[in-house]
Amino acid sequence: MAARRLRVLVLLVLVPGAAGAHALRLSTGEVTVDGRQVRAVFQFARAELETLRPEEIAATVQVSSEGAPCVLAASSVAPVQEDGVGVTAVWDCPGAPGRLRMALGFLGRLPEGHLHVALVKAPGLAVQRTARASAPVLEVEAQPSAWAGAGRFLRLGAEHIFQGADHIAFLLGVLLLGGSIRQLVGIVTAFTIAHSLTLALATLGWVVPSPRLIEPLIALSIVAVAVENLLSLRPPVSAERVRTAIAHRWRLTFAFGLVHGFGFAGALRALELPPALLAPSLLTFNLGVELGQLVIVALAWPVLRWLRGVPTVWPGGIRWASAAVAGLGAYWLLDRVLSA
């Protein structure tokens, strides 16, 4: 019965995200204030606009300066990159905005969980802001500190973990074999350190490998951790063999972090963050990643620890769950190689 419960748990966690692994529902914007004029360039993935025509987007945005409404003067739509849509809009305001407010009405018509990340630039000011359907307003007043804007990336980092089915599959694969909470915290921290290094390198434009290489490698890492589980639990089961695998596991998560740091860097690079904002943005994003991972570990570790104590689960049920993780990673690997 316990083994059956474990199989159901794994399916509930992994199957719903199989089609959209590693997908973060994200759009970007660049807002420039020049005198009495506000110019915005929004970019969307075309798949996010199933229920909203690009030509309608500008009209859904309400802009005000010092509480007085600004008037939409012009808007245009153009394709960007391979599968993106760019919307450019210009508003005329009664006066030069000292306090700018933009209500992004289009967020309520995009898929659930969509996040908009905007860079707002004005003379002497460059800050990033985020908005979503539940909080669709971008507001900028006096020039804040770089840390005030970068703090918004804390939530973005955590969401990247929670919304990435491949992240959850990898963490589940890591947790299945066991280990103390101290060991597991060290393992996921190794991921974050590696993630920070390559994310910074890619965001700065120093090393930018192709997604056609990175995405299959991410899937391959999921297969690797699951196969390591299966090898460690091969009959006859050796407690020493399992302990050795757990002790060395940080190396695998460190390698996974190096690969995935490149995977998300595209969104940050698209913002073209000024140098003054780059360091705090990277730091708070990665802190959010770490917090998100620790939450998943804190929730899953006690349950899996209890299940490993059930004779019908250890080791047979853990082998089955590891095989499921390996199969899912192999599916993503094949899908990403064929679609590259």
Protein backbone atom coordinates (compact mmCIF):
# COMPACT_ATOMS: atom_id res chain seq x y z
CA MET A 1 0.00 0.00 0.00
CA ALA A 2 2.80 2.44 0.88
CA ALA A 3 4.61 1.70 -2.36
CA ARG A 4 1.41 2.42 -4.26
CA ARG A 5 1.06 5.73 -2.43
CA LEU A 6 4.60 6.65 -3.42
CA ARG A 7 3.85 5.90 -7.09
CA VAL A 8 0.76 8.11 -6.94
CA LEU A 9 2.76 10.91 -5.27
CA VAL A 10 5.43 10.82 -7.96
CA LEU A 11 2.85 10.91 -10.76
CA LEU A 12 0.98 13.83 -9.19
CA VAL A 13 4.20 15.82 -8.95
CA LEU A 14 5.73 14.99 -12.31
CA VAL A 15 3.02 14.40 -14.89
CA PRO A 16 1.21 17.80 -14.85
CA GLY A 17 4.43 19.61 -15.68
CA ALA A 18 5.76 17.28 -18.33
CA ALA A 19 4.62 19.38 -21.27
CA GLY A 20 5.81 22.69 -19.87
CA ALA A 21 9.03 21.88 -18.07
CA HIS A 22 11.46 24.68 -17.47
CA ALA A 23 8.91 27.19 -18.75
CA LEU A 24 8.63 30.49 -16.94
CA ARG A 25 5.64 32.57 -18.10
CA LEU A 26 7.46 35.82 -18.56
CA SER A 27 7.21 39.00 -20.60
CA THR A 28 9.54 41.98 -20.50
CA GLY A 29 9.16 45.70 -20.90
CA GLU A 30 11.36 48.74 -21.25
CA VAL A 31 9.79 52.02 -20.23
CA THR A 32 11.56 55.28 -21.05
CA VAL A 33 10.52 58.69 -19.71
CA ASP A 34 11.62 61.61 -21.89
CA GLY A 35 10.20 64.94 -20.83
CA ARG A 36 6.39 64.73 -21.02
CA GLN A 37 6.50 61.56 -23.09
CA VAL A 38 6.47 57.95 -21.89
CA ARG A 39 7.57 55.25 -24.34
CA ALA A 40 7.19 51.54 -23.62
CA VAL A 41 8.40 48.48 -25.52
CA PHE A 42 6.77 45.24 -24.38
CA GLN A 43 7.91 41.81 -25.58
CA PHE A 44 5.88 38.59 -25.32
CA ALA A 45 6.22 34.99 -26.38
CA ARG A 46 3.53 34.42 -29.01
CA ALA A 47 2.27 31.36 -27.10
CA GLU A 48 1.29 33.62 -24.19
CA LEU A 49 -1.09 35.67 -26.36
CA GLU A 50 -3.69 33.00 -27.17
CA THR A 51 -6.57 35.08 -25.71
CA LEU A 52 -5.22 38.55 -26.48
CA ARG A 53 -4.46 40.17 -29.83
CA PRO A 54 -1.14 42.08 -29.86
CA GLU A 55 -2.94 45.12 -31.36
CA GLU A 56 -5.08 45.34 -28.21
CA ILE A 57 -2.24 45.41 -25.69
CA ALA A 58 -1.38 49.12 -25.73
CA ALA A 59 -5.01 50.11 -25.16
CA THR A 60 -5.14 48.01 -21.97
CA VAL A 61 -2.34 50.02 -20.35
CA GLN A 62 -3.35 53.05 -18.27
CA VAL A 63 -0.56 55.57 -17.66
CA SER A 64 -0.68 58.52 -15.27
CA SER A 65 1.76 61.22 -14.18
CA GLU A 66 1.36 62.76 -10.73
CA GLY A 67 -2.14 61.30 -10.71
CA ALA A 68 -3.17 62.89 -14.04
CA PRO A 69 -3.89 60.50 -16.95
CA CYS A 70 -1.58 60.37 -19.95
CA VAL A 71 -2.96 59.95 -23.48
CA LEU A 72 -1.98 57.07 -25.77
CA ALA A 73 -0.45 58.83 -28.80
CA ALA A 74 0.78 55.91 -30.90
CA SER A 75 1.29 52.16 -30.88
CA SER A 76 2.69 49.50 -33.18
CA VAL A 77 3.27 45.75 -33.29
CA ALA A 78 6.23 43.87 -34.78
CA PRO A 79 7.66 40.34 -34.58
CA VAL A 80 10.77 39.85 -32.46
CA GLN A 81 13.22 36.95 -32.59
CA GLU A 82 11.77 33.60 -33.71
CA ASP A 83 8.48 33.34 -31.83
CA GLY A 84 8.02 36.68 -30.07
CA VAL A 85 5.85 39.76 -30.43
CA GLY A 86 6.95 43.30 -29.67
CA VAL A 87 4.49 46.09 -28.84
CA THR A 88 5.69 49.71 -28.84
CA ALA A 89 3.49 52.45 -27.38
CA VAL A 90 3.89 56.17 -26.65
CA TRP A 91 1.87 58.27 -24.18
CA ASP A 92 1.78 62.06 -23.85
CA CYS A 93 1.50 63.28 -20.25
CA PRO A 94 0.36 66.68 -18.89
CA GLY A 95 3.79 67.24 -17.41
CA ALA A 96 7.15 65.53 -16.94
CA PRO A 97 6.38 62.51 -14.73
CA GLY A 98 7.80 62.84 -11.26
CA ARG A 99 5.59 59.97 -10.12
CA LEU A 100 4.79 57.53 -12.90
CA ARG A 101 2.08 54.89 -12.61
CA MET A 102 1.32 52.24 -15.25
CA ALA A 103 -1.59 49.80 -14.81
CA LEU A 104 -0.94 46.83 -17.11
CA GLY A 105 -4.44 45.65 -17.97
CA PHE A 106 -3.17 42.96 -20.33
CA LEU A 107 -1.90 40.89 -17.38
CA GLY A 108 -5.46 39.90 -16.47
CA ARG A 109 -5.89 38.32 -19.90
CA LEU A 110 -2.67 36.30 -20.00
CA PRO A 111 -2.20 32.73 -18.69
CA GLU A 112 -2.23 32.22 -14.94
CA GLY A 113 1.14 32.77 -13.31
CA HIS A 114 2.40 35.15 -15.99
CA LEU A 115 5.03 37.59 -14.72
CA HIS A 116 5.99 40.90 -16.35
CA VAL A 117 9.46 42.30 -15.66
CA ALA A 118 10.08 45.90 -16.70
CA LEU A 119 13.05 48.23 -16.74
CA VAL A 120 12.01 51.84 -16.15
CA LYS A 121 14.48 54.50 -17.30
CA ALA A 122 14.37 58.26 -16.80
CA PRO A 123 17.04 60.96 -16.40
CA GLY A 124 19.11 59.85 -13.40
CA LEU A 125 16.91 56.80 -12.81
CA ALA A 126 16.99 53.14 -13.84
CA VAL A 127 14.99 50.62 -11.82
CA GLN A 128 13.36 47.28 -12.49
CA ARG A 129 9.77 46.52 -11.53
CA THR A 130 7.65 43.37 -11.70
CA ALA A 131 3.89 42.98 -12.11
CA ARG A 132 1.35 40.15 -12.32
CA ALA A 133 -2.42 39.82 -12.62
CA SER A 134 -2.87 40.15 -8.85
CA ALA A 135 -0.64 43.26 -8.71
CA PRO A 136 -0.66 44.76 -12.23
CA VAL A 137 0.73 48.22 -11.45
CA LEU A 138 4.23 49.58 -12.10
CA GLU A 139 5.01 52.64 -9.99
CA VAL A 140 8.11 54.81 -9.91
CA GLU A 141 8.57 57.89 -7.74
CA ALA A 142 11.87 59.39 -6.68
CA GLN A 143 15.05 57.50 -7.47
CA PRO A 144 15.21 54.53 -5.08
CA SER A 145 18.31 52.61 -4.12
CA ALA A 146 19.41 49.81 -6.38
CA TRP A 147 18.53 47.32 -3.64
CA ALA A 148 14.92 48.51 -3.45
CA GLY A 149 14.28 47.43 -7.03
CA ALA A 150 16.45 44.33 -6.95
CA GLY A 151 14.48 42.92 -4.03
CA ARG A 152 11.66 42.11 -6.45
CA PHE A 153 13.89 39.48 -8.04
CA LEU A 154 13.81 37.48 -4.81
CA ARG A 155 10.28 36.35 -5.67
CA LEU A 156 11.20 35.77 -9.31
CA GLY A 157 13.99 33.39 -8.28
CA ALA A 158 11.67 31.39 -6.03
CA GLU A 159 9.00 31.23 -8.74
CA HIS A 160 11.53 29.91 -11.21
CA ILE A 161 12.00 26.87 -8.97
CA PHE A 162 8.31 26.33 -8.20
CA GLN A 163 7.19 26.68 -11.85
CA GLY A 164 9.94 24.49 -13.33
CA ALA A 165 8.83 20.86 -13.49
CA ASP A 166 12.37 19.83 -14.38
CA HIS A 167 13.66 21.52 -11.20
CA ILE A 168 11.13 19.66 -9.09
CA ALA A 169 11.95 16.37 -10.84
CA PHE A 170 15.65 16.87 -10.20
CA LEU A 171 15.14 17.75 -6.53
CA LEU A 172 12.84 14.75 -6.10
CA GLY A 173 15.53 12.54 -7.61
CA VAL A 174 18.08 13.97 -5.18
CA LEU A 175 15.80 13.47 -2.17
CA LEU A 176 14.74 9.89 -2.99
CA LEU A 177 18.04 8.34 -1.99
CA GLY A 178 18.00 9.97 1.45
CA GLY A 179 20.59 11.77 3.53
CA SER A 180 20.51 14.06 6.53
CA ILE A 181 18.88 17.45 6.29
CA ARG A 182 22.34 19.01 6.61
CA GLN A 183 23.62 16.99 3.65
CA LEU A 184 20.59 17.90 1.54
CA VAL A 185 20.89 21.61 2.33
CA GLY A 186 24.54 21.43 1.23
CA ILE A 187 23.56 19.64 -1.97
CA VAL A 188 20.99 22.24 -3.04
CA THR A 189 23.30 25.08 -1.97
CA ALA A 190 25.94 23.69 -4.33
CA PHE A 191 23.38 24.05 -7.10
CA THR A 192 22.78 27.71 -6.21
CA ILE A 193 26.49 28.59 -6.07
CA ALA A 194 27.00 27.07 -9.52
CA HIS A 195 23.82 28.72 -10.82
CA SER A 196 25.08 32.10 -9.64
CA LEU A 197 28.38 31.74 -11.48
CA THR A 198 26.99 30.91 -14.91
CA LEU A 199 23.99 33.23 -14.60
CA ALA A 200 26.38 36.11 -13.98
CA LEU A 201 28.65 35.07 -16.85
CA ALA A 202 25.73 34.82 -19.28
CA THR A 203 23.99 38.00 -18.10
CA LEU A 204 27.22 39.94 -18.56
CA GLY A 205 27.51 38.46 -22.06
CA TRP A 206 30.87 36.82 -21.37
CA VAL A 207 29.72 33.23 -22.00
CA VAL A 208 26.40 32.67 -23.80
CA PRO A 209 25.93 29.06 -25.00
CA SER A 210 23.00 28.18 -27.23
CA PRO A 211 19.73 27.00 -25.61
CA ARG A 212 19.85 24.11 -28.09
CA LEU A 213 22.76 22.80 -26.06
CA ILE A 214 21.70 23.87 -22.57
CA GLU A 215 18.11 22.56 -22.50
CA PRO A 216 19.04 18.95 -23.43
CA LEU A 217 21.86 19.05 -20.86
CA ILE A 218 19.36 20.04 -18.17
CA ALA A 219 17.22 17.01 -19.05
CA LEU A 220 20.33 14.82 -19.11
CA SER A 221 21.18 15.91 -15.57
CA ILE A 222 17.77 14.67 -14.38
CA VAL A 223 18.45 11.29 -15.97
CA ALA A 224 21.90 11.22 -14.35
CA VAL A 225 20.69 11.68 -10.77
CA ALA A 226 17.96 9.06 -11.23
CA VAL A 227 20.37 6.54 -12.77
CA GLU A 228 22.76 7.13 -9.87
CA ASN A 229 19.92 6.22 -7.52
CA LEU A 230 19.28 2.99 -9.40
CA LEU A 231 22.96 2.05 -9.41
CA SER A 232 23.27 2.78 -5.70
CA LEU A 233 20.25 0.59 -4.93
CA ARG A 234 21.17 -2.33 -7.19
CA PRO A 235 20.85 -5.74 -5.50
CA PRO A 236 22.22 -6.66 -3.08
CA VAL A 237 21.62 -3.26 -1.45
CA SER A 238 24.68 -1.89 0.36
CA ALA A 239 24.25 0.81 3.00
CA GLU A 240 27.85 1.88 2.46
CA ARG A 241 27.27 2.28 -1.28
CA VAL A 242 24.23 4.47 -0.61
CA ARG A 243 26.11 6.63 1.92
CA THR A 244 28.96 7.15 -0.55
CA ALA A 245 26.56 8.23 -3.31
CA ILE A 246 24.89 10.75 -1.00
CA ALA A 247 28.24 12.12 0.20
CA HIS A 248 29.37 12.77 -3.39
CA ARG A 249 26.01 14.00 -4.71
CA TRP A 250 26.85 17.69 -4.38
CA ARG A 251 29.12 17.31 -7.42
CA LEU A 252 26.17 16.37 -9.61
CA THR A 253 24.01 19.21 -8.34
CA PHE A 254 26.89 21.63 -8.82
CA ALA A 255 27.17 20.52 -12.47
CA PHE A 256 23.39 20.88 -12.89
CA GLY A 257 23.58 24.40 -11.46
CA LEU A 258 26.28 25.40 -13.94
CA VAL A 259 24.11 24.26 -16.83
CA HIS A 260 20.89 25.80 -15.57
CA GLY A 261 22.45 29.16 -14.80
CA PHE A 262 22.76 29.58 -18.56
CA GLY A 263 19.17 28.45 -19.02
CA PHE A 264 17.57 31.43 -17.32
CA ALA A 265 20.07 34.15 -18.17
CA GLY A 266 18.22 35.14 -21.36
CA ALA A 267 15.44 36.89 -19.43
CA LEU A 268 17.88 38.99 -17.40
CA ARG A 269 19.98 39.83 -20.44
CA ALA A 270 16.86 41.02 -22.28
CA LEU A 271 16.33 43.66 -19.58
CA GLU A 272 19.69 45.28 -20.34
CA LEU A 273 20.11 46.17 -16.69
CA PRO A 274 22.49 49.05 -16.01
CA PRO A 275 25.70 48.17 -14.14
CA ALA A 276 24.44 49.72 -10.90
CA LEU A 277 21.49 47.29 -10.79
CA LEU A 278 23.18 44.16 -12.08
CA ALA A 279 24.84 42.94 -8.87
CA PRO A 280 21.83 43.32 -6.54
CA SER A 281 19.50 41.83 -9.16
CA LEU A 282 21.67 38.73 -9.59
CA LEU A 283 22.16 38.34 -5.85
CA THR A 284 18.49 38.59 -4.92
CA PHE A 285 17.39 36.34 -7.78
CA ASN A 286 19.77 33.62 -6.68
CA LEU A 287 18.73 34.04 -3.07
CA GLY A 288 15.15 33.44 -4.23
CA VAL A 289 16.28 30.27 -6.03
CA GLU A 290 17.93 29.02 -2.85
CA LEU A 291 14.87 29.78 -0.71
CA GLY A 292 12.59 28.04 -3.21
CA GLN A 293 14.75 24.93 -3.16
CA LEU A 294 14.88 24.87 0.63
CA VAL A 295 11.08 25.10 0.81
CA ILE A 296 10.73 22.07 -1.49
CA VAL A 297 13.30 20.14 0.56
CA ALA A 298 11.58 21.07 3.83
CA LEU A 299 8.21 19.84 2.53
CA ALA A 300 9.33 16.67 0.75
CA TRP A 301 12.14 15.42 2.99
CA PRO A 302 10.01 14.38 6.01
CA VAL A 303 7.50 12.56 3.80
CA LEU A 304 10.17 10.69 1.84
CA ARG A 305 12.09 9.90 5.04
CA TRP A 306 8.97 8.27 6.49
CA LEU A 307 8.33 6.33 3.29
CA ARG A 308 11.91 5.01 3.25
CA GLY A 309 11.21 3.52 6.66
CA VAL A 310 8.36 1.42 5.27
CA PRO A 311 9.64 -2.09 4.31
CA THR A 312 7.50 -2.25 1.18
CA VAL A 313 8.94 1.07 -0.06
CA TRP A 314 12.66 0.67 0.69
CA PRO A 315 14.32 -0.16 -1.56
CA GLY A 316 11.82 -1.37 -4.18
CA GLY A 317 9.57 1.69 -4.15
CA ILE A 318 12.55 4.03 -4.33
CA ARG A 319 13.85 2.13 -7.35
CA TRP A 320 10.46 2.51 -9.04
CA ALA A 321 10.30 6.25 -8.28
CA SER A 322 13.88 6.74 -9.54
CA ALA A 323 12.99 4.90 -12.74
CA ALA A 324 10.01 7.26 -13.18
CA VAL A 325 12.28 10.30 -12.77
CA ALA A 326 14.77 8.82 -15.25
CA GLY A 327 11.98 8.17 -17.75
CA LEU A 328 10.68 11.71 -17.47
CA GLY A 329 14.17 13.14 -17.92
CA ALA A 330 14.71 10.91 -20.95
CA TYR A 331 11.41 12.13 -22.43
CA TRP A 332 12.48 15.76 -22.01
CA LEU A 333 15.91 14.96 -23.43
CA LEU A 334 14.46 13.38 -26.56
CA ASP A 335 11.87 16.13 -26.97
CA ARG A 336 14.47 18.90 -26.66
CA VAL A 337 16.98 17.25 -28.98
CA LEU A 338 14.35 16.68 -31.67
CA SER A 339 12.93 20.20 -31.38
CA ALA A 340 16.33 21.92 -31.40
